[in-house]
Amino acid sequence: MITNTTPQRSLRGHRPKRLSQRAAIGGEYVARLAGRLTDRDRWLARMLYEHRVLTTTQITQLAWSSVRAANLRLLQLYKWRVLDRFQPFVTYGSAPMHYVLDVAGAAVLAREEGLDPRELNYRQERAIGIAHSLRLAHIVATNTFFTTLIHRSRHSDSGGRLTAWWSEARCLKLFGDVVRPDAYGRWREGQREIEWFLEYDWGTERPADRVGGKLPGYAKLAATTGITTPVLLWMPTGHREARVRRALAASLALLDDPSLVPLATTSADFVHGEGQSDPSLARWLPLNTEQTTSRRLPLAELNGAWPHLPPLSASPASAVTSADTAGRSRSPLPPQLPRPPIQPRRR
């Protein structure tokens, strides 16, 4: 006999009260947010516009000193409808909360740029709809690659710093007719700096030859722009890395000029423990048709494996990008610097 008469709503956890979508984009409410949002809040909103979704762990890596401090602020931003959130199902344990840009956050970004919110090409249904995307895990993993680098620069004396991080969507707008990388980045450490396109491989593209089939596109891009950009490939296992390297070597040998596509690979299981997801470590193995080496290099030293590459300071990449951005591929918002603003100390 059923004796539990507790209403179902009482069994649920507390859900913070939030404004309706219509109220959250009203001019009066958006104006009120001007006195509530910090520079870090606005920076985070731009990062979510660019990279679509970030977990609590990633956001803590980016700009907070602890998970507790991040959660307290994220809860407030959620209540204000600057951010929205969801928690995916996992078989064991619980997934971290995933955050996306919400309607009030999009309205604030649009006003900062002097745009009508509709010009931002933002839709709340599409933003939160990523919760059901079959590519969610891939997007989160790709973002982890870069948030780990930012975390390292914030909590390390190595002097390394991520100076650029473009999303797959931005790369698609700029280069999508030739190549479709998962991301683009730049890393500076001391006097050394490297830029790269990232191909994050989950082992889903079988056979491995399909990965090698991407190289002609990168060769065409380099020949067209006059800019040779390394391609870094991250694999899930060392076994997968070995198979992909054989396919890449075969494809590279078929190119008219293999030097147009500098390649380096690594696998997630190459490093164990705390640094498993750290791309800056000595884990990258260059792929060179002229010579073979078993020595793995740190991210900052990879350019040394390709002596034909010019220094980035002399590279025309910025000019090409600016011209393309100003033309057919212009995005509503410029690329966001992957460095959180310095928080003023409280007195």
C-alpha atoms as a PDB file:
ATOM      1  CA  MET A   1       0.000   0.000   0.000  1.00  0.00           C
ATOM      2  CA  ILE A   2       1.339   3.427  -0.937  1.00  0.00           C
ATOM      3  CA  THR A   3       1.565   5.634   2.124  1.00  0.00           C
ATOM      4  CA  ASN A   4       3.909   8.379   0.897  1.00  0.00           C
ATOM      5  CA  THR A   5       1.687  11.356   0.154  1.00  0.00           C
ATOM      6  CA  THR A   6       4.496  13.874  -0.342  1.00  0.00           C
ATOM      7  CA  PRO A   7       3.735  15.975  -3.446  1.00  0.00           C
ATOM      8  CA  GLN A   8       6.123  15.360  -6.320  1.00  0.00           C
ATOM      9  CA  ARG A   9       7.148  19.021  -6.428  1.00  0.00           C
ATOM     10  CA  SER A  10       8.410  18.738  -2.839  1.00  0.00           C
ATOM     11  CA  LEU A  11      10.799  15.963  -3.850  1.00  0.00           C
ATOM     12  CA  ARG A  12      12.599  18.189  -6.313  1.00  0.00           C
ATOM     13  CA  GLY A  13      15.583  20.330  -5.504  1.00  0.00           C
ATOM     14  CA  HIS A  14      15.247  24.073  -5.253  1.00  0.00           C
ATOM     15  CA  ARG A  15      15.219  25.848  -8.588  1.00  0.00           C
ATOM     16  CA  PRO A  16      16.278  29.504  -8.492  1.00  0.00           C
ATOM     17  CA  LYS A  17      13.654  31.953  -9.699  1.00  0.00           C
ATOM     18  CA  ARG A  18      14.421  33.523 -13.064  1.00  0.00           C
ATOM     19  CA  LEU A  19      12.844  36.191 -15.216  1.00  0.00           C
ATOM     20  CA  SER A  20      10.868  35.303 -18.295  1.00  0.00           C
ATOM     21  CA  GLN A  21      12.695  35.594 -21.598  1.00  0.00           C
ATOM     22  CA  ARG A  22      10.646  38.643 -22.549  1.00  0.00           C
ATOM     23  CA  ALA A  23      11.472  40.458 -19.306  1.00  0.00           C
ATOM     24  CA  ALA A  24      15.173  39.505 -19.470  1.00  0.00           C
ATOM     25  CA  ILE A  25      15.702  41.272 -22.802  1.00  0.00           C
ATOM     26  CA  GLY A  26      13.768  44.405 -21.885  1.00  0.00           C
ATOM     27  CA  GLY A  27      15.688  47.655 -22.105  1.00  0.00           C
ATOM     28  CA  GLU A  28      15.109  48.560 -18.458  1.00  0.00           C
ATOM     29  CA  TYR A  29      16.387  45.214 -17.184  1.00  0.00           C
ATOM     30  CA  VAL A  30      19.435  45.182 -19.489  1.00  0.00           C
ATOM     31  CA  ALA A  31      20.281  48.705 -18.299  1.00  0.00           C
ATOM     32  CA  ARG A  32      20.054  47.519 -14.697  1.00  0.00           C
ATOM     33  CA  LEU A  33      22.617  44.803 -15.432  1.00  0.00           C
ATOM     34  CA  ALA A  34      25.170  47.515 -16.273  1.00  0.00           C
ATOM     35  CA  GLY A  35      25.694  48.083 -12.563  1.00  0.00           C
ATOM     36  CA  ARG A  36      25.868  44.386 -11.697  1.00  0.00           C
ATOM     37  CA  LEU A  37      28.164  42.782 -14.244  1.00  0.00           C
ATOM     38  CA  THR A  38      31.917  42.825 -13.719  1.00  0.00           C
ATOM     39  CA  ASP A  39      34.515  42.885 -16.484  1.00  0.00           C
ATOM     40  CA  ARG A  40      35.060  39.185 -15.844  1.00  0.00           C
ATOM     41  CA  ASP A  41      31.333  38.475 -16.251  1.00  0.00           C
ATOM     42  CA  ARG A  42      31.290  40.256 -19.609  1.00  0.00           C
ATOM     43  CA  TRP A  43      34.456  38.457 -20.705  1.00  0.00           C
ATOM     44  CA  LEU A  44      32.899  35.097 -19.812  1.00  0.00           C
ATOM     45  CA  ALA A  45      29.769  35.957 -21.793  1.00  0.00           C
ATOM     46  CA  ARG A  46      31.926  36.667 -24.851  1.00  0.00           C
ATOM     47  CA  MET A  47      33.817  33.408 -24.381  1.00  0.00           C
ATOM     48  CA  LEU A  48      30.536  31.502 -24.327  1.00  0.00           C
ATOM     49  CA  TYR A  49      29.333  33.320 -27.429  1.00  0.00           C
ATOM     50  CA  GLU A  50      32.532  32.257 -29.202  1.00  0.00           C
ATOM     51  CA  HIS A  51      32.905  28.710 -27.857  1.00  0.00           C
ATOM     52  CA  ARG A  52      29.241  27.795 -27.249  1.00  0.00           C
ATOM     53  CA  VAL A  53      29.542  25.740 -24.054  1.00  0.00           C
ATOM     54  CA  LEU A  54      31.887  25.581 -21.057  1.00  0.00           C
ATOM     55  CA  THR A  55      31.703  23.384 -17.972  1.00  0.00           C
ATOM     56  CA  THR A  56      32.107  24.516 -14.379  1.00  0.00           C
ATOM     57  CA  THR A  57      35.581  22.968 -14.373  1.00  0.00           C
ATOM     58  CA  GLN A  58      36.607  24.828 -17.524  1.00  0.00           C
ATOM     59  CA  ILE A  59      35.236  28.145 -16.288  1.00  0.00           C
ATOM     60  CA  THR A  60      37.170  27.723 -13.036  1.00  0.00           C
ATOM     61  CA  GLN A  61      40.317  27.043 -15.075  1.00  0.00           C
ATOM     62  CA  LEU A  62      39.695  30.192 -17.087  1.00  0.00           C
ATOM     63  CA  ALA A  63      39.098  32.850 -14.491  1.00  0.00           C
ATOM     64  CA  TRP A  64      38.392  31.742 -10.915  1.00  0.00           C
ATOM     65  CA  SER A  65      40.560  30.691  -8.003  1.00  0.00           C
ATOM     66  CA  SER A  66      38.297  27.882  -6.789  1.00  0.00           C
ATOM     67  CA  VAL A  67      35.265  25.867  -7.847  1.00  0.00           C
ATOM     68  CA  ARG A  68      33.264  27.274  -4.938  1.00  0.00           C
ATOM     69  CA  ALA A  69      33.964  30.873  -5.948  1.00  0.00           C
ATOM     70  CA  ALA A  70      33.079  30.079  -9.551  1.00  0.00           C
ATOM     71  CA  ASN A  71      29.834  28.334  -8.576  1.00  0.00           C
ATOM     72  CA  LEU A  72      28.692  31.257  -6.453  1.00  0.00           C
ATOM     73  CA  ARG A  73      29.120  33.717  -9.315  1.00  0.00           C
ATOM     74  CA  LEU A  74      27.744  31.346 -11.947  1.00  0.00           C
ATOM     75  CA  LEU A  75      24.594  30.863  -9.886  1.00  0.00           C
ATOM     76  CA  GLN A  76      24.075  34.621  -9.818  1.00  0.00           C
ATOM     77  CA  LEU A  77      24.659  34.938 -13.571  1.00  0.00           C
ATOM     78  CA  TYR A  78      22.177  32.106 -14.084  1.00  0.00           C
ATOM     79  CA  LYS A  79      19.552  33.902 -11.978  1.00  0.00           C
ATOM     80  CA  TRP A  80      20.078  37.081 -13.991  1.00  0.00           C
ATOM     81  CA  ARG A  81      19.716  35.087 -17.249  1.00  0.00           C
ATOM     82  CA  VAL A  82      23.149  36.126 -18.413  1.00  0.00           C
ATOM     83  CA  LEU A  83      23.930  32.405 -18.608  1.00  0.00           C
ATOM     84  CA  ASP A  84      21.843  29.261 -18.925  1.00  0.00           C
ATOM     85  CA  ARG A  85      22.882  25.788 -17.829  1.00  0.00           C
ATOM     86  CA  PHE A  86      22.233  22.073 -18.144  1.00  0.00           C
ATOM     87  CA  GLN A  87      23.690  18.855 -16.768  1.00  0.00           C
ATOM     88  CA  PRO A  88      24.096  15.957 -19.231  1.00  0.00           C
ATOM     89  CA  PHE A  89      23.369  12.387 -18.222  1.00  0.00           C
ATOM     90  CA  VAL A  90      26.345  10.120 -17.585  1.00  0.00           C
ATOM     91  CA  THR A  91      26.248   6.427 -16.717  1.00  0.00           C
ATOM     92  CA  TYR A  92      28.376   6.701 -13.591  1.00  0.00           C
ATOM     93  CA  GLY A  93      28.615   9.616 -11.194  1.00  0.00           C
ATOM     94  CA  SER A  94      27.431  13.047 -12.291  1.00  0.00           C
ATOM     95  CA  ALA A  95      28.545  15.369 -15.064  1.00  0.00           C
ATOM     96  CA  PRO A  96      29.621  18.930 -14.257  1.00  0.00           C
ATOM     97  CA  MET A  97      27.181  21.699 -14.985  1.00  0.00           C
ATOM     98  CA  HIS A  98      27.462  22.985 -18.558  1.00  0.00           C
ATOM     99  CA  TYR A  99      26.921  26.697 -19.233  1.00  0.00           C
ATOM    100  CA  VAL A 100      25.792  28.520 -22.373  1.00  0.00           C
ATOM    101  CA  LEU A 101      24.971  32.143 -23.144  1.00  0.00           C
ATOM    102  CA  ASP A 102      21.420  33.182 -22.219  1.00  0.00           C
ATOM    103  CA  VAL A 103      19.179  35.935 -23.564  1.00  0.00           C
ATOM    104  CA  ALA A 104      20.212  38.730 -21.188  1.00  0.00           C
ATOM    105  CA  GLY A 105      23.893  37.983 -21.778  1.00  0.00           C
ATOM    106  CA  ALA A 106      23.379  38.128 -25.542  1.00  0.00           C
ATOM    107  CA  ALA A 107      21.513  41.436 -25.215  1.00  0.00           C
ATOM    108  CA  VAL A 108      24.375  42.913 -23.188  1.00  0.00           C
ATOM    109  CA  LEU A 109      26.976  41.796 -25.756  1.00  0.00           C
ATOM    110  CA  ALA A 110      24.956  43.273 -28.602  1.00  0.00           C
ATOM    111  CA  ARG A 111      24.595  46.625 -26.841  1.00  0.00           C
ATOM    112  CA  GLU A 112      28.326  46.725 -26.086  1.00  0.00           C
ATOM    113  CA  GLU A 113      29.021  46.458 -29.812  1.00  0.00           C
ATOM    114  CA  GLY A 114      26.296  48.925 -30.791  1.00  0.00           C
ATOM    115  CA  LEU A 115      24.291  46.167 -32.461  1.00  0.00           C
ATOM    116  CA  ASP A 116      20.663  45.234 -32.428  1.00  0.00           C
ATOM    117  CA  PRO A 117      20.404  41.890 -30.571  1.00  0.00           C
ATOM    118  CA  ARG A 118      19.032  40.297 -33.735  1.00  0.00           C
ATOM    119  CA  GLU A 119      22.280  41.160 -35.552  1.00  0.00           C
ATOM    120  CA  LEU A 120      24.203  38.946 -33.133  1.00  0.00           C
ATOM    121  CA  ASN A 121      22.725  35.845 -34.787  1.00  0.00           C
ATOM    122  CA  TYR A 122      21.886  34.457 -31.357  1.00  0.00           C
ATOM    123  CA  ARG A 123      18.935  32.185 -30.626  1.00  0.00           C
ATOM    124  CA  GLN A 124      18.260  30.890 -27.144  1.00  0.00           C
ATOM    125  CA  GLU A 125      16.771  27.640 -28.437  1.00  0.00           C
ATOM    126  CA  ARG A 126      19.904  26.951 -30.450  1.00  0.00           C
ATOM    127  CA  ALA A 127      22.221  27.865 -27.560  1.00  0.00           C
ATOM    128  CA  ILE A 128      20.599  25.539 -25.024  1.00  0.00           C
ATOM    129  CA  GLY A 129      19.897  22.955 -27.728  1.00  0.00           C
ATOM    130  CA  ILE A 130      23.561  21.963 -27.676  1.00  0.00           C
ATOM    131  CA  ALA A 131      22.578  19.852 -24.658  1.00  0.00           C
ATOM    132  CA  HIS A 132      21.243  17.289 -27.141  1.00  0.00           C
ATOM    133  CA  SER A 133      23.987  17.636 -29.744  1.00  0.00           C
ATOM    134  CA  LEU A 134      25.807  14.451 -30.720  1.00  0.00           C
ATOM    135  CA  ARG A 135      28.954  16.601 -30.886  1.00  0.00           C
ATOM    136  CA  LEU A 136      28.701  17.927 -27.332  1.00  0.00           C
ATOM    137  CA  ALA A 137      31.487  15.700 -25.978  1.00  0.00           C
ATOM    138  CA  HIS A 138      33.750  16.655 -28.899  1.00  0.00           C
ATOM    139  CA  ILE A 139      33.158  20.387 -28.385  1.00  0.00           C
ATOM    140  CA  VAL A 140      33.772  20.150 -24.636  1.00  0.00           C
ATOM    141  CA  ALA A 141      36.966  18.121 -25.168  1.00  0.00           C
ATOM    142  CA  THR A 142      38.266  20.616 -27.735  1.00  0.00           C
ATOM    143  CA  ASN A 143      37.571  23.473 -25.335  1.00  0.00           C
ATOM    144  CA  THR A 144      39.405  21.595 -22.565  1.00  0.00           C
ATOM    145  CA  PHE A 145      42.538  21.646 -24.747  1.00  0.00           C
ATOM    146  CA  PHE A 146      42.566  25.449 -24.544  1.00  0.00           C
ATOM    147  CA  THR A 147      41.213  25.998 -21.033  1.00  0.00           C
ATOM    148  CA  THR A 148      44.044  23.783 -19.772  1.00  0.00           C
ATOM    149  CA  LEU A 149      46.572  26.063 -21.472  1.00  0.00           C
ATOM    150  CA  ILE A 150      44.960  29.149 -19.936  1.00  0.00           C
ATOM    151  CA  HIS A 151      44.923  27.485 -16.515  1.00  0.00           C
ATOM    152  CA  ARG A 152      48.617  26.671 -16.877  1.00  0.00           C
ATOM    153  CA  SER A 153      49.445  30.278 -17.711  1.00  0.00           C
ATOM    154  CA  ARG A 154      47.493  31.477 -14.654  1.00  0.00           C
ATOM    155  CA  HIS A 155      49.038  29.035 -12.170  1.00  0.00           C
ATOM    156  CA  SER A 156      52.546  28.425 -13.461  1.00  0.00           C
ATOM    157  CA  ASP A 157      55.826  30.311 -13.581  1.00  0.00           C
ATOM    158  CA  SER A 158      56.653  28.927 -17.041  1.00  0.00           C
ATOM    159  CA  GLY A 159      55.803  32.262 -18.654  1.00  0.00           C
ATOM    160  CA  GLY A 160      53.604  30.573 -21.250  1.00  0.00           C
ATOM    161  CA  ARG A 161      50.490  32.365 -22.451  1.00  0.00           C
ATOM    162  CA  LEU A 162      47.695  31.556 -24.869  1.00  0.00           C
ATOM    163  CA  THR A 163      47.413  34.602 -27.123  1.00  0.00           C
ATOM    164  CA  ALA A 164      44.683  33.436 -29.515  1.00  0.00           C
ATOM    165  CA  TRP A 165      41.870  30.899 -29.456  1.00  0.00           C
ATOM    166  CA  TRP A 166      39.373  30.728 -32.285  1.00  0.00           C
ATOM    167  CA  SER A 167      36.394  28.411 -32.246  1.00  0.00           C
ATOM    168  CA  GLU A 168      35.404  25.917 -34.904  1.00  0.00           C
ATOM    169  CA  ALA A 169      32.627  28.277 -36.002  1.00  0.00           C
ATOM    170  CA  ARG A 170      35.043  31.182 -36.562  1.00  0.00           C
ATOM    171  CA  CYS A 171      37.470  28.934 -38.443  1.00  0.00           C
ATOM    172  CA  LEU A 172      34.566  27.724 -40.572  1.00  0.00           C
ATOM    173  CA  LYS A 173      33.661  31.295 -41.533  1.00  0.00           C
ATOM    174  CA  LEU A 174      37.255  32.133 -42.432  1.00  0.00           C
ATOM    175  CA  PHE A 175      38.533  28.907 -43.980  1.00  0.00           C
ATOM    176  CA  GLY A 176      35.490  26.647 -44.363  1.00  0.00           C
ATOM    177  CA  ASP A 177      35.651  26.523 -48.141  1.00  0.00           C
ATOM    178  CA  VAL A 178      39.096  24.879 -47.871  1.00  0.00           C
ATOM    179  CA  VAL A 179      39.582  23.325 -44.412  1.00  0.00           C
ATOM    180  CA  ARG A 180      37.475  22.821 -41.293  1.00  0.00           C
ATOM    181  CA  PRO A 181      39.733  22.608 -38.229  1.00  0.00           C
ATOM    182  CA  ASP A 182      38.278  22.154 -34.766  1.00  0.00           C
ATOM    183  CA  ALA A 183      40.049  25.291 -33.522  1.00  0.00           C
ATOM    184  CA  TYR A 184      42.967  27.665 -34.037  1.00  0.00           C
ATOM    185  CA  GLY A 185      45.394  28.806 -31.356  1.00  0.00           C
ATOM    186  CA  ARG A 186      48.608  30.672 -30.564  1.00  0.00           C
ATOM    187  CA  TRP A 187      50.934  30.012 -27.634  1.00  0.00           C
ATOM    188  CA  ARG A 188      53.805  32.237 -26.517  1.00  0.00           C
ATOM    189  CA  GLU A 189      56.483  31.145 -24.070  1.00  0.00           C
ATOM    190  CA  GLY A 190      59.460  33.440 -23.604  1.00  0.00           C
ATOM    191  CA  GLN A 191      60.726  34.433 -27.042  1.00  0.00           C
ATOM    192  CA  ARG A 192      59.069  31.459 -28.731  1.00  0.00           C
ATOM    193  CA  GLU A 193      55.611  31.516 -30.245  1.00  0.00           C
ATOM    194  CA  ILE A 194      53.672  28.973 -32.259  1.00  0.00           C
ATOM    195  CA  GLU A 195      50.321  29.003 -34.015  1.00  0.00           C
ATOM    196  CA  TRP A 196      48.384  25.922 -35.089  1.00  0.00           C
ATOM    197  CA  PHE A 197      45.171  24.417 -36.339  1.00  0.00           C
ATOM    198  CA  LEU A 198      43.802  21.720 -34.053  1.00  0.00           C
ATOM    199  CA  GLU A 199      42.291  18.454 -35.232  1.00  0.00           C
ATOM    200  CA  TYR A 200      40.806  16.726 -32.190  1.00  0.00           C
ATOM    201  CA  ASP A 201      40.339  13.073 -33.100  1.00  0.00           C
ATOM    202  CA  TRP A 202      38.070  10.802 -31.067  1.00  0.00           C
ATOM    203  CA  GLY A 203      38.747   7.729 -33.148  1.00  0.00           C
ATOM    204  CA  THR A 204      35.348   8.017 -34.806  1.00  0.00           C
ATOM    205  CA  GLU A 205      36.741   8.633 -38.299  1.00  0.00           C
ATOM    206  CA  ARG A 206      37.516   5.134 -39.475  1.00  0.00           C
ATOM    207  CA  PRO A 207      39.511   4.120 -41.316  1.00  0.00           C
ATOM    208  CA  ALA A 208      42.401   6.354 -40.264  1.00  0.00           C
ATOM    209  CA  ASP A 209      42.899   7.228 -43.944  1.00  0.00           C
ATOM    210  CA  ARG A 210      40.028   9.713 -43.618  1.00  0.00           C
ATOM    211  CA  VAL A 211      42.166  11.816 -41.293  1.00  0.00           C
ATOM    212  CA  GLY A 212      44.959  11.823 -43.864  1.00  0.00           C
ATOM    213  CA  GLY A 213      42.454  12.942 -46.463  1.00  0.00           C
ATOM    214  CA  LYS A 214      42.325  16.374 -44.816  1.00  0.00           C
ATOM    215  CA  LEU A 215      45.930  17.242 -45.683  1.00  0.00           C
ATOM    216  CA  PRO A 216      45.366  18.396 -49.297  1.00  0.00           C
ATOM    217  CA  GLY A 217      43.007  21.070 -47.965  1.00  0.00           C
ATOM    218  CA  TYR A 218      45.625  22.418 -45.567  1.00  0.00           C
ATOM    219  CA  ALA A 219      48.216  22.380 -48.363  1.00  0.00           C
ATOM    220  CA  LYS A 220      45.835  24.355 -50.583  1.00  0.00           C
ATOM    221  CA  LEU A 221      45.212  26.899 -47.815  1.00  0.00           C
ATOM    222  CA  ALA A 222      48.949  27.402 -47.268  1.00  0.00           C
ATOM    223  CA  ALA A 223      49.617  27.773 -50.997  1.00  0.00           C
ATOM    224  CA  THR A 224      46.735  30.238 -51.418  1.00  0.00           C
ATOM    225  CA  THR A 225      47.488  32.480 -48.436  1.00  0.00           C
ATOM    226  CA  GLY A 226      51.266  32.139 -48.370  1.00  0.00           C
ATOM    227  CA  ILE A 227      51.024  31.219 -44.677  1.00  0.00           C
ATOM    228  CA  THR A 228      52.173  27.807 -43.502  1.00  0.00           C
ATOM    229  CA  THR A 229      50.397  26.889 -40.280  1.00  0.00           C
ATOM    230  CA  PRO A 230      51.204  23.673 -38.362  1.00  0.00           C
ATOM    231  CA  VAL A 231      48.412  21.172 -37.793  1.00  0.00           C
ATOM    232  CA  LEU A 232      48.320  19.463 -34.393  1.00  0.00           C
ATOM    233  CA  LEU A 233      46.387  16.225 -34.020  1.00  0.00           C
ATOM    234  CA  TRP A 234      45.221  14.965 -30.620  1.00  0.00           C
ATOM    235  CA  MET A 235      44.278  11.273 -30.463  1.00  0.00           C
ATOM    236  CA  PRO A 236      42.570   9.294 -27.681  1.00  0.00           C
ATOM    237  CA  THR A 237      45.152   6.497 -27.445  1.00  0.00           C
ATOM    238  CA  GLY A 238      48.712   5.711 -28.476  1.00  0.00           C
ATOM    239  CA  HIS A 239      47.428   2.861 -30.650  1.00  0.00           C
ATOM    240  CA  ARG A 240      45.162   5.232 -32.545  1.00  0.00           C
ATOM    241  CA  GLU A 241      48.015   7.726 -32.853  1.00  0.00           C
ATOM    242  CA  ALA A 242      50.275   5.100 -34.465  1.00  0.00           C
ATOM    243  CA  ARG A 243      47.602   4.186 -37.018  1.00  0.00           C
ATOM    244  CA  VAL A 244      46.837   7.800 -37.870  1.00  0.00           C
ATOM    245  CA  ARG A 245      50.535   8.642 -38.229  1.00  0.00           C
ATOM    246  CA  ARG A 246      50.926   5.917 -40.848  1.00  0.00           C
ATOM    247  CA  ALA A 247      47.942   7.304 -42.756  1.00  0.00           C
ATOM    248  CA  LEU A 248      49.273  10.857 -42.460  1.00  0.00           C
ATOM    249  CA  ALA A 249      52.722   9.842 -43.700  1.00  0.00           C
ATOM    250  CA  ALA A 250      51.170   8.217 -46.766  1.00  0.00           C
ATOM    251  CA  SER A 251      49.032  11.288 -47.517  1.00  0.00           C
ATOM    252  CA  LEU A 252      51.913  13.678 -46.867  1.00  0.00           C
ATOM    253  CA  ALA A 253      54.113  11.843 -49.366  1.00  0.00           C
ATOM    254  CA  LEU A 254      51.499  12.417 -52.083  1.00  0.00           C
ATOM    255  CA  LEU A 255      51.536  16.213 -51.707  1.00  0.00           C
ATOM    256  CA  ASP A 256      53.483  18.285 -54.230  1.00  0.00           C
ATOM    257  CA  ASP A 257      55.104  20.171 -51.346  1.00  0.00           C
ATOM    258  CA  PRO A 258      54.832  18.337 -47.992  1.00  0.00           C
ATOM    259  CA  SER A 259      56.517  21.265 -46.213  1.00  0.00           C
ATOM    260  CA  LEU A 260      53.256  23.219 -46.589  1.00  0.00           C
ATOM    261  CA  VAL A 261      51.621  21.039 -43.921  1.00  0.00           C
ATOM    262  CA  PRO A 262      53.782  20.699 -40.775  1.00  0.00           C
ATOM    263  CA  LEU A 263      52.269  17.982 -38.583  1.00  0.00           C
ATOM    264  CA  ALA A 264      52.633  16.838 -34.989  1.00  0.00           C
ATOM    265  CA  THR A 265      50.615  14.291 -33.036  1.00  0.00           C
ATOM    266  CA  THR A 266      49.990  13.219 -29.466  1.00  0.00           C
ATOM    267  CA  SER A 267      47.609  10.985 -27.542  1.00  0.00           C
ATOM    268  CA  ALA A 268      45.636  11.562 -24.369  1.00  0.00           C
ATOM    269  CA  ASP A 269      47.158   8.517 -22.680  1.00  0.00           C
ATOM    270  CA  PHE A 270      50.762   9.534 -23.345  1.00  0.00           C
ATOM    271  CA  VAL A 271      50.826  11.502 -20.086  1.00  0.00           C
ATOM    272  CA  HIS A 272      49.185  10.080 -16.978  1.00  0.00           C
ATOM    273  CA  GLY A 273      47.993  11.843 -13.873  1.00  0.00           C
ATOM    274  CA  GLU A 274      47.517  15.562 -13.397  1.00  0.00           C
ATOM    275  CA  GLY A 275      49.101  16.627 -16.688  1.00  0.00           C
ATOM    276  CA  GLN A 276      47.170  14.210 -18.899  1.00  0.00           C
ATOM    277  CA  SER A 277      45.238  16.975 -20.658  1.00  0.00           C
ATOM    278  CA  ASP A 278      48.070  19.563 -20.689  1.00  0.00           C
ATOM    279  CA  PRO A 279      49.040  20.336 -24.318  1.00  0.00           C
ATOM    280  CA  SER A 280      52.097  22.374 -23.300  1.00  0.00           C
ATOM    281  CA  LEU A 281      54.107  19.364 -22.084  1.00  0.00           C
ATOM    282  CA  ALA A 282      56.765  17.435 -24.032  1.00  0.00           C
ATOM    283  CA  ARG A 283      54.246  15.166 -25.718  1.00  0.00           C
ATOM    284  CA  TRP A 284      54.203  16.287 -29.383  1.00  0.00           C
ATOM    285  CA  LEU A 285      55.840  14.068 -32.004  1.00  0.00           C
ATOM    286  CA  PRO A 286      56.466  15.873 -35.326  1.00  0.00           C
ATOM    287  CA  LEU A 287      55.840  14.003 -38.563  1.00  0.00           C
ATOM    288  CA  ASN A 288      58.533  14.726 -41.128  1.00  0.00           C
ATOM    289  CA  THR A 289      58.938  12.925 -44.442  1.00  0.00           C
ATOM    290  CA  GLU A 290      62.661  13.705 -44.567  1.00  0.00           C
ATOM    291  CA  GLN A 291      63.684  12.477 -41.149  1.00  0.00           C
ATOM    292  CA  THR A 292      62.189  10.444 -38.342  1.00  0.00           C
ATOM    293  CA  THR A 293      62.559  11.223 -34.676  1.00  0.00           C
ATOM    294  CA  SER A 294      61.248   9.599 -31.530  1.00  0.00           C
ATOM    295  CA  ARG A 295      61.801  12.690 -29.394  1.00  0.00           C
ATOM    296  CA  ARG A 296      58.636  14.373 -28.272  1.00  0.00           C
ATOM    297  CA  LEU A 297      58.674  18.141 -27.886  1.00  0.00           C
ATOM    298  CA  PRO A 298      56.874  20.692 -25.714  1.00  0.00           C
ATOM    299  CA  LEU A 299      54.361  22.884 -27.510  1.00  0.00           C
ATOM    300  CA  ALA A 300      56.640  25.937 -27.332  1.00  0.00           C
ATOM    301  CA  GLU A 301      59.524  24.088 -29.035  1.00  0.00           C
ATOM    302  CA  LEU A 302      57.576  22.605 -31.934  1.00  0.00           C
ATOM    303  CA  ASN A 303      58.548  25.339 -34.396  1.00  0.00           C
ATOM    304  CA  GLY A 304      62.127  24.092 -34.079  1.00  0.00           C
ATOM    305  CA  ALA A 305      61.047  20.911 -35.857  1.00  0.00           C
ATOM    306  CA  TRP A 306      60.152  22.981 -38.929  1.00  0.00           C
ATOM    307  CA  PRO A 307      63.045  25.412 -39.532  1.00  0.00           C
ATOM    308  CA  HIS A 308      61.481  26.623 -42.788  1.00  0.00           C
ATOM    309  CA  LEU A 309      58.681  28.392 -40.891  1.00  0.00           C
ATOM    310  CA  PRO A 310      59.181  32.174 -40.568  1.00  0.00           C
ATOM    311  CA  PRO A 311      58.878  33.844 -37.158  1.00  0.00           C
ATOM    312  CA  LEU A 312      55.282  34.645 -36.331  1.00  0.00           C
ATOM    313  CA  SER A 313      56.136  38.311 -35.867  1.00  0.00           C
ATOM    314  CA  ALA A 314      57.015  38.412 -39.570  1.00  0.00           C
ATOM    315  CA  SER A 315      54.014  36.360 -40.636  1.00  0.00           C
ATOM    316  CA  PRO A 316      51.299  38.134 -42.638  1.00  0.00           C
ATOM    317  CA  ALA A 317      48.617  36.051 -40.920  1.00  0.00           C
ATOM    318  CA  SER A 318      47.080  39.009 -39.109  1.00  0.00           C
ATOM    319  CA  ALA A 319      46.800  41.047 -42.309  1.00  0.00           C
ATOM    320  CA  VAL A 320      45.187  38.178 -44.195  1.00  0.00           C
ATOM    321  CA  THR A 321      42.801  37.518 -41.343  1.00  0.00           C
ATOM    322  CA  SER A 322      41.879  41.194 -41.036  1.00  0.00           C
ATOM    323  CA  ALA A 323      41.149  41.477 -44.733  1.00  0.00           C
ATOM    324  CA  ASP A 324      39.037  38.329 -44.714  1.00  0.00           C
ATOM    325  CA  THR A 325      37.245  39.355 -41.551  1.00  0.00           C
ATOM    326  CA  ALA A 326      36.401  42.738 -43.030  1.00  0.00           C
ATOM    327  CA  GLY A 327      34.962  41.056 -46.103  1.00  0.00           C
ATOM    328  CA  ARG A 328      32.695  38.113 -46.704  1.00  0.00           C
ATOM    329  CA  SER A 329      33.508  36.272 -43.469  1.00  0.00           C
ATOM    330  CA  ARG A 330      33.008  39.082 -40.954  1.00  0.00           C
ATOM    331  CA  SER A 331      31.687  37.842 -37.615  1.00  0.00           C
ATOM    332  CA  PRO A 332      29.343  40.003 -35.494  1.00  0.00           C
ATOM    333  CA  LEU A 333      31.912  39.998 -32.668  1.00  0.00           C
ATOM    334  CA  PRO A 334      35.723  40.119 -32.986  1.00  0.00           C
ATOM    335  CA  PRO A 335      37.820  37.264 -31.549  1.00  0.00           C
ATOM    336  CA  GLN A 336      37.969  37.451 -27.771  1.00  0.00           C
ATOM    337  CA  LEU A 337      41.403  37.531 -26.135  1.00  0.00           C
ATOM    338  CA  PRO A 338      41.738  34.269 -24.156  1.00  0.00           C
ATOM    339  CA  ARG A 339      42.952  36.085 -21.073  1.00  0.00           C
ATOM    340  CA  PRO A 340      40.566  37.033 -18.267  1.00  0.00           C
ATOM    341  CA  PRO A 341      40.597  40.640 -17.081  1.00  0.00           C
ATOM    342  CA  ILE A 342      42.421  41.343 -13.843  1.00  0.00           C
ATOM    343  CA  GLN A 343      40.003  41.501 -10.957  1.00  0.00           C
ATOM    344  CA  PRO A 344      40.445  44.575  -8.728  1.00  0.00           C
ATOM    345  CA  ARG A 345      41.178  43.812  -5.103  1.00  0.00           C
ATOM    346  CA  ARG A 346      38.427  44.545  -2.649  1.00  0.00           C
ATOM    347  CA  ARG A 347      39.204  47.159  -0.048  1.00  0.00           C
END
